[in-house]
Amino acid sequence: MLPAWLESLESSIGAVFKVLNRGGQRGPNFKDDVDRHRFVAKLAEPRVKTGEEGHAFVLTPDYFHRVLETPQPNRVAGMNWFLGVYINRFNRRHELFGQLLITP
């Protein structure tokens, strides 16, 4: 259950969020440039699926940061979809299993 202040923010229409995730066990999110390019290409897809608008992003070896705006109260659904697709593709490509990212 979310705290009341966060629940009201999550249900805000047109809210702007800074989102960050770090690599599981403080490991890298990307093994090579192919992973980085696939991740950046995937950043555009939530707009089609959920309507969220990405304003900025930063990739580091073990973190990524995004600034996004949600026209509907669906940030959690959009991020779950985005991360789920990326992680599944990453794991398949590298023949891995399990958690790649951790939300601090």
N, C-alpha and C. Protein backbone atom coordinates (compact mmCIF):
# COMPACT_ATOMS: atom_id res chain seq x y z
N MET A 1 0.84 -1.18 0.00
CA MET A 1 0.00 0.00 0.00
C MET A 1 0.88 1.24 0.00
N LEU A 2 0.52 2.19 -0.84
CA LEU A 2 1.29 3.43 -0.96
C LEU A 2 0.90 4.42 0.12
N PRO A 3 1.85 5.26 0.58
CA PRO A 3 1.48 6.35 1.48
C PRO A 3 0.49 7.28 0.79
N ALA A 4 -0.33 7.96 1.55
CA ALA A 4 -1.38 8.81 0.98
C ALA A 4 -0.83 9.86 0.03
N TRP A 5 0.30 10.49 0.37
CA TRP A 5 0.85 11.53 -0.50
C TRP A 5 1.29 10.95 -1.84
N LEU A 6 1.86 9.73 -1.82
CA LEU A 6 2.31 9.11 -3.05
C LEU A 6 1.13 8.60 -3.86
N GLU A 7 0.11 8.08 -3.18
CA GLU A 7 -1.08 7.61 -3.88
C GLU A 7 -1.76 8.76 -4.63
N SER A 8 -1.84 9.95 -4.00
CA SER A 8 -2.46 11.08 -4.69
C SER A 8 -1.60 11.53 -5.87
N LEU A 9 -0.28 11.45 -5.74
CA LEU A 9 0.60 11.80 -6.85
C LEU A 9 0.46 10.80 -7.99
N GLU A 10 0.39 9.51 -7.65
CA GLU A 10 0.25 8.47 -8.66
C GLU A 10 -1.05 8.62 -9.44
N SER A 11 -2.08 9.19 -8.83
CA SER A 11 -3.36 9.33 -9.52
C SER A 11 -3.51 10.69 -10.20
N SER A 12 -2.43 11.48 -10.22
CA SER A 12 -2.48 12.80 -10.85
C SER A 12 -2.41 12.69 -12.36
N ILE A 13 -3.23 13.45 -13.02
CA ILE A 13 -3.22 13.53 -14.48
C ILE A 13 -2.25 14.63 -14.88
N GLY A 14 -1.37 14.34 -15.81
CA GLY A 14 -0.39 15.32 -16.27
C GLY A 14 0.77 15.54 -15.32
N ALA A 15 1.01 14.58 -14.43
CA ALA A 15 2.11 14.71 -13.48
C ALA A 15 3.45 14.47 -14.18
N VAL A 16 4.50 15.13 -13.69
CA VAL A 16 5.85 14.94 -14.21
C VAL A 16 6.65 14.21 -13.13
N PHE A 17 7.33 13.13 -13.53
CA PHE A 17 8.07 12.29 -12.59
C PHE A 17 9.52 12.18 -13.02
N LYS A 18 10.41 12.09 -12.03
CA LYS A 18 11.79 11.66 -12.27
C LYS A 18 11.86 10.24 -11.74
N VAL A 19 12.20 9.33 -12.62
CA VAL A 19 12.24 7.91 -12.28
C VAL A 19 13.67 7.43 -12.41
N LEU A 20 14.12 6.60 -11.47
CA LEU A 20 15.45 6.01 -11.61
C LEU A 20 15.40 4.55 -11.21
N ASN A 21 16.24 3.79 -11.84
CA ASN A 21 16.43 2.38 -11.52
C ASN A 21 17.91 2.09 -11.55
N ARG A 22 18.33 1.14 -10.72
CA ARG A 22 19.74 0.75 -10.72
C ARG A 22 19.85 -0.74 -11.01
N GLY A 23 21.03 -1.14 -11.43
CA GLY A 23 21.27 -2.54 -11.74
C GLY A 23 21.16 -3.41 -10.51
N GLY A 24 20.61 -4.61 -10.68
CA GLY A 24 20.51 -5.56 -9.59
C GLY A 24 21.89 -5.95 -9.09
N GLN A 25 22.02 -6.11 -7.79
CA GLN A 25 23.30 -6.38 -7.14
C GLN A 25 24.38 -5.40 -7.58
N ARG A 26 23.96 -4.18 -7.85
CA ARG A 26 24.84 -3.09 -8.27
C ARG A 26 25.63 -3.43 -9.54
N GLY A 27 25.08 -4.32 -10.34
CA GLY A 27 25.71 -4.69 -11.61
C GLY A 27 25.25 -3.76 -12.72
N PRO A 28 25.82 -3.94 -13.92
CA PRO A 28 25.48 -3.07 -15.04
C PRO A 28 24.09 -3.36 -15.61
N ASN A 29 23.45 -2.33 -16.13
CA ASN A 29 22.17 -2.47 -16.83
C ASN A 29 22.38 -2.86 -18.29
N PHE A 30 23.57 -2.62 -18.79
CA PHE A 30 23.87 -2.83 -20.21
C PHE A 30 25.21 -3.54 -20.32
N LYS A 31 25.28 -4.54 -21.17
CA LYS A 31 26.54 -5.24 -21.36
C LYS A 31 27.35 -4.65 -22.51
N ASP A 32 26.67 -3.99 -23.45
CA ASP A 32 27.37 -3.46 -24.62
C ASP A 32 26.50 -2.40 -25.30
N ASP A 33 27.00 -1.87 -26.42
CA ASP A 33 26.27 -0.83 -27.15
C ASP A 33 24.96 -1.33 -27.72
N VAL A 34 24.88 -2.60 -28.07
CA VAL A 34 23.61 -3.14 -28.58
C VAL A 34 22.53 -3.01 -27.51
N ASP A 35 22.86 -3.35 -26.27
CA ASP A 35 21.89 -3.20 -25.17
C ASP A 35 21.49 -1.73 -25.00
N ARG A 36 22.46 -0.84 -25.04
CA ARG A 36 22.15 0.59 -24.88
C ARG A 36 21.25 1.09 -26.00
N HIS A 37 21.54 0.71 -27.23
CA HIS A 37 20.71 1.14 -28.37
C HIS A 37 19.29 0.57 -28.27
N ARG A 38 19.17 -0.67 -27.86
CA ARG A 38 17.84 -1.27 -27.70
C ARG A 38 17.06 -0.59 -26.59
N PHE A 39 17.74 -0.24 -25.51
CA PHE A 39 17.08 0.45 -24.40
C PHE A 39 16.55 1.81 -24.86
N VAL A 40 17.41 2.57 -25.54
CA VAL A 40 17.00 3.91 -26.00
C VAL A 40 15.86 3.79 -27.00
N ALA A 41 15.90 2.83 -27.90
CA ALA A 41 14.81 2.63 -28.86
C ALA A 41 13.51 2.30 -28.13
N LYS A 42 13.61 1.53 -27.07
CA LYS A 42 12.42 1.13 -26.31
C LYS A 42 11.81 2.32 -25.56
N LEU A 43 12.60 3.36 -25.27
CA LEU A 43 12.08 4.53 -24.55
C LEU A 43 10.91 5.19 -25.27
N ALA A 44 10.84 5.09 -26.58
CA ALA A 44 9.77 5.74 -27.34
C ALA A 44 8.46 4.94 -27.30
N GLU A 45 8.53 3.67 -27.02
CA GLU A 45 7.34 2.82 -27.10
C GLU A 45 6.28 3.06 -26.04
N PRO A 46 6.60 3.40 -24.78
CA PRO A 46 5.51 3.64 -23.83
C PRO A 46 4.58 4.76 -24.26
N ARG A 47 5.07 5.71 -25.04
CA ARG A 47 4.20 6.79 -25.50
C ARG A 47 3.03 6.22 -26.30
N VAL A 48 3.32 5.26 -27.16
CA VAL A 48 2.27 4.64 -27.96
C VAL A 48 1.33 3.83 -27.08
N LYS A 49 1.89 3.09 -26.14
CA LYS A 49 1.09 2.20 -25.30
C LYS A 49 0.32 2.92 -24.20
N THR A 50 0.97 3.86 -23.50
CA THR A 50 0.34 4.48 -22.32
C THR A 50 0.13 5.98 -22.46
N GLY A 51 0.71 6.59 -23.50
CA GLY A 51 0.57 8.03 -23.68
C GLY A 51 1.60 8.85 -22.92
N GLU A 52 2.50 8.20 -22.18
CA GLU A 52 3.47 8.99 -21.42
C GLU A 52 4.45 9.68 -22.35
N GLU A 53 4.87 10.85 -21.95
CA GLU A 53 5.78 11.67 -22.73
C GLU A 53 7.12 11.72 -22.03
N GLY A 54 8.16 11.21 -22.69
CA GLY A 54 9.49 11.26 -22.13
C GLY A 54 10.15 12.60 -22.43
N HIS A 55 10.67 13.27 -21.41
CA HIS A 55 11.29 14.58 -21.60
C HIS A 55 12.82 14.51 -21.60
N ALA A 56 13.39 13.56 -20.85
CA ALA A 56 14.84 13.45 -20.77
C ALA A 56 15.20 12.09 -20.20
N PHE A 57 16.43 11.66 -20.47
CA PHE A 57 16.93 10.44 -19.86
C PHE A 57 18.45 10.52 -19.76
N VAL A 58 19.00 9.77 -18.80
CA VAL A 58 20.44 9.64 -18.62
C VAL A 58 20.73 8.16 -18.40
N LEU A 59 21.70 7.65 -19.12
CA LEU A 59 22.14 6.27 -18.93
C LEU A 59 23.53 6.28 -18.32
N THR A 60 23.72 5.53 -17.28
CA THR A 60 25.04 5.28 -16.72
C THR A 60 25.21 3.76 -16.72
N PRO A 61 26.39 3.25 -16.47
CA PRO A 61 26.54 1.79 -16.51
C PRO A 61 25.60 1.04 -15.56
N ASP A 62 25.33 1.63 -14.38
CA ASP A 62 24.50 0.90 -13.42
C ASP A 62 23.21 1.60 -13.01
N TYR A 63 22.89 2.73 -13.61
CA TYR A 63 21.64 3.45 -13.33
C TYR A 63 21.07 3.97 -14.63
N PHE A 64 19.76 4.21 -14.62
CA PHE A 64 19.19 5.08 -15.64
C PHE A 64 18.18 5.99 -14.96
N HIS A 65 18.08 7.18 -15.46
CA HIS A 65 17.16 8.20 -14.96
C HIS A 65 16.26 8.61 -16.12
N ARG A 66 14.99 8.84 -15.83
CA ARG A 66 14.05 9.33 -16.85
C ARG A 66 13.21 10.44 -16.23
N VAL A 67 12.89 11.43 -17.04
CA VAL A 67 11.89 12.43 -16.67
C VAL A 67 10.75 12.22 -17.64
N LEU A 68 9.57 11.94 -17.09
CA LEU A 68 8.43 11.66 -17.95
C LEU A 68 7.17 12.31 -17.41
N GLU A 69 6.25 12.54 -18.31
CA GLU A 69 4.95 13.13 -17.98
C GLU A 69 3.87 12.13 -18.35
N THR A 70 2.90 11.97 -17.45
CA THR A 70 1.83 11.01 -17.70
C THR A 70 0.51 11.75 -17.88
N PRO A 71 -0.10 11.66 -19.08
CA PRO A 71 -1.38 12.32 -19.28
C PRO A 71 -2.52 11.59 -18.56
N GLN A 72 -2.29 10.35 -18.20
CA GLN A 72 -3.25 9.55 -17.44
C GLN A 72 -2.53 9.07 -16.17
N PRO A 73 -3.26 8.70 -15.14
CA PRO A 73 -2.60 8.22 -13.91
C PRO A 73 -2.11 6.78 -14.06
N ASN A 74 -1.07 6.60 -14.90
CA ASN A 74 -0.64 5.25 -15.23
C ASN A 74 0.89 5.09 -15.24
N ARG A 75 1.60 5.87 -14.45
CA ARG A 75 3.06 5.77 -14.44
C ARG A 75 3.53 4.37 -14.06
N VAL A 76 2.94 3.78 -13.06
CA VAL A 76 3.37 2.46 -12.61
C VAL A 76 3.14 1.43 -13.72
N ALA A 77 1.99 1.44 -14.33
CA ALA A 77 1.70 0.49 -15.41
C ALA A 77 2.66 0.70 -16.58
N GLY A 78 2.93 1.94 -16.92
CA GLY A 78 3.85 2.23 -18.03
C GLY A 78 5.26 1.77 -17.74
N MET A 79 5.77 2.02 -16.54
CA MET A 79 7.12 1.61 -16.18
C MET A 79 7.21 0.08 -16.07
N ASN A 80 6.18 -0.55 -15.51
CA ASN A 80 6.19 -2.01 -15.42
C ASN A 80 6.26 -2.64 -16.80
N TRP A 81 5.48 -2.11 -17.72
CA TRP A 81 5.49 -2.63 -19.09
C TRP A 81 6.87 -2.40 -19.73
N PHE A 82 7.36 -1.17 -19.64
CA PHE A 82 8.64 -0.82 -20.25
C PHE A 82 9.77 -1.70 -19.72
N LEU A 83 9.89 -1.77 -18.40
CA LEU A 83 10.97 -2.54 -17.79
C LEU A 83 10.82 -4.04 -18.06
N GLY A 84 9.59 -4.53 -18.00
CA GLY A 84 9.36 -5.95 -18.26
C GLY A 84 9.81 -6.36 -19.65
N VAL A 85 9.46 -5.57 -20.64
CA VAL A 85 9.85 -5.89 -22.02
C VAL A 85 11.37 -5.81 -22.17
N TYR A 86 11.98 -4.74 -21.68
CA TYR A 86 13.43 -4.59 -21.81
C TYR A 86 14.17 -5.73 -21.11
N ILE A 87 13.79 -6.02 -19.87
CA ILE A 87 14.48 -7.06 -19.10
C ILE A 87 14.33 -8.42 -19.75
N ASN A 88 13.13 -8.75 -20.22
CA ASN A 88 12.93 -10.03 -20.91
C ASN A 88 13.82 -10.15 -22.14
N ARG A 89 13.91 -9.10 -22.93
CA ARG A 89 14.74 -9.14 -24.13
C ARG A 89 16.23 -9.21 -23.76
N PHE A 90 16.64 -8.47 -22.75
CA PHE A 90 18.03 -8.50 -22.28
C PHE A 90 18.39 -9.92 -21.82
N ASN A 91 17.53 -10.49 -20.98
CA ASN A 91 17.81 -11.83 -20.46
C ASN A 91 17.85 -12.88 -21.57
N ARG A 92 16.94 -12.81 -22.52
CA ARG A 92 16.96 -13.76 -23.64
C ARG A 92 18.24 -13.62 -24.44
N ARG A 93 18.63 -12.38 -24.74
CA ARG A 93 19.82 -12.15 -25.55
C ARG A 93 21.07 -12.70 -24.87
N HIS A 94 21.16 -12.53 -23.57
CA HIS A 94 22.37 -12.92 -22.83
C HIS A 94 22.21 -14.26 -22.10
N GLU A 95 21.11 -14.95 -22.37
CA GLU A 95 20.83 -16.24 -21.75
C GLU A 95 20.92 -16.16 -20.22
N LEU A 96 20.23 -15.16 -19.69
CA LEU A 96 20.19 -14.95 -18.24
C LEU A 96 18.77 -15.15 -17.75
N PHE A 97 18.62 -15.15 -16.45
CA PHE A 97 17.31 -15.29 -15.84
C PHE A 97 17.26 -14.41 -14.60
N GLY A 98 16.11 -13.80 -14.36
CA GLY A 98 15.91 -13.08 -13.11
C GLY A 98 15.99 -11.58 -13.24
N GLN A 99 16.16 -10.96 -12.10
CA GLN A 99 16.07 -9.52 -11.95
C GLN A 99 17.31 -8.81 -12.47
N LEU A 100 17.08 -7.83 -13.32
CA LEU A 100 18.18 -7.02 -13.83
C LEU A 100 18.24 -5.68 -13.10
N LEU A 101 17.08 -5.09 -12.84
CA LEU A 101 16.99 -3.75 -12.26
C LEU A 101 16.31 -3.77 -10.91
N ILE A 102 16.66 -2.80 -10.09
CA ILE A 102 16.04 -2.62 -8.78
C ILE A 102 15.56 -1.18 -8.70
N THR A 103 14.35 -0.97 -8.24
CA THR A 103 13.85 0.38 -8.03
C THR A 103 14.19 0.79 -6.60
N PRO A 104 15.05 1.81 -6.44
CA PRO A 104 15.42 2.22 -5.08
C PRO A 104 14.26 2.85 -4.34
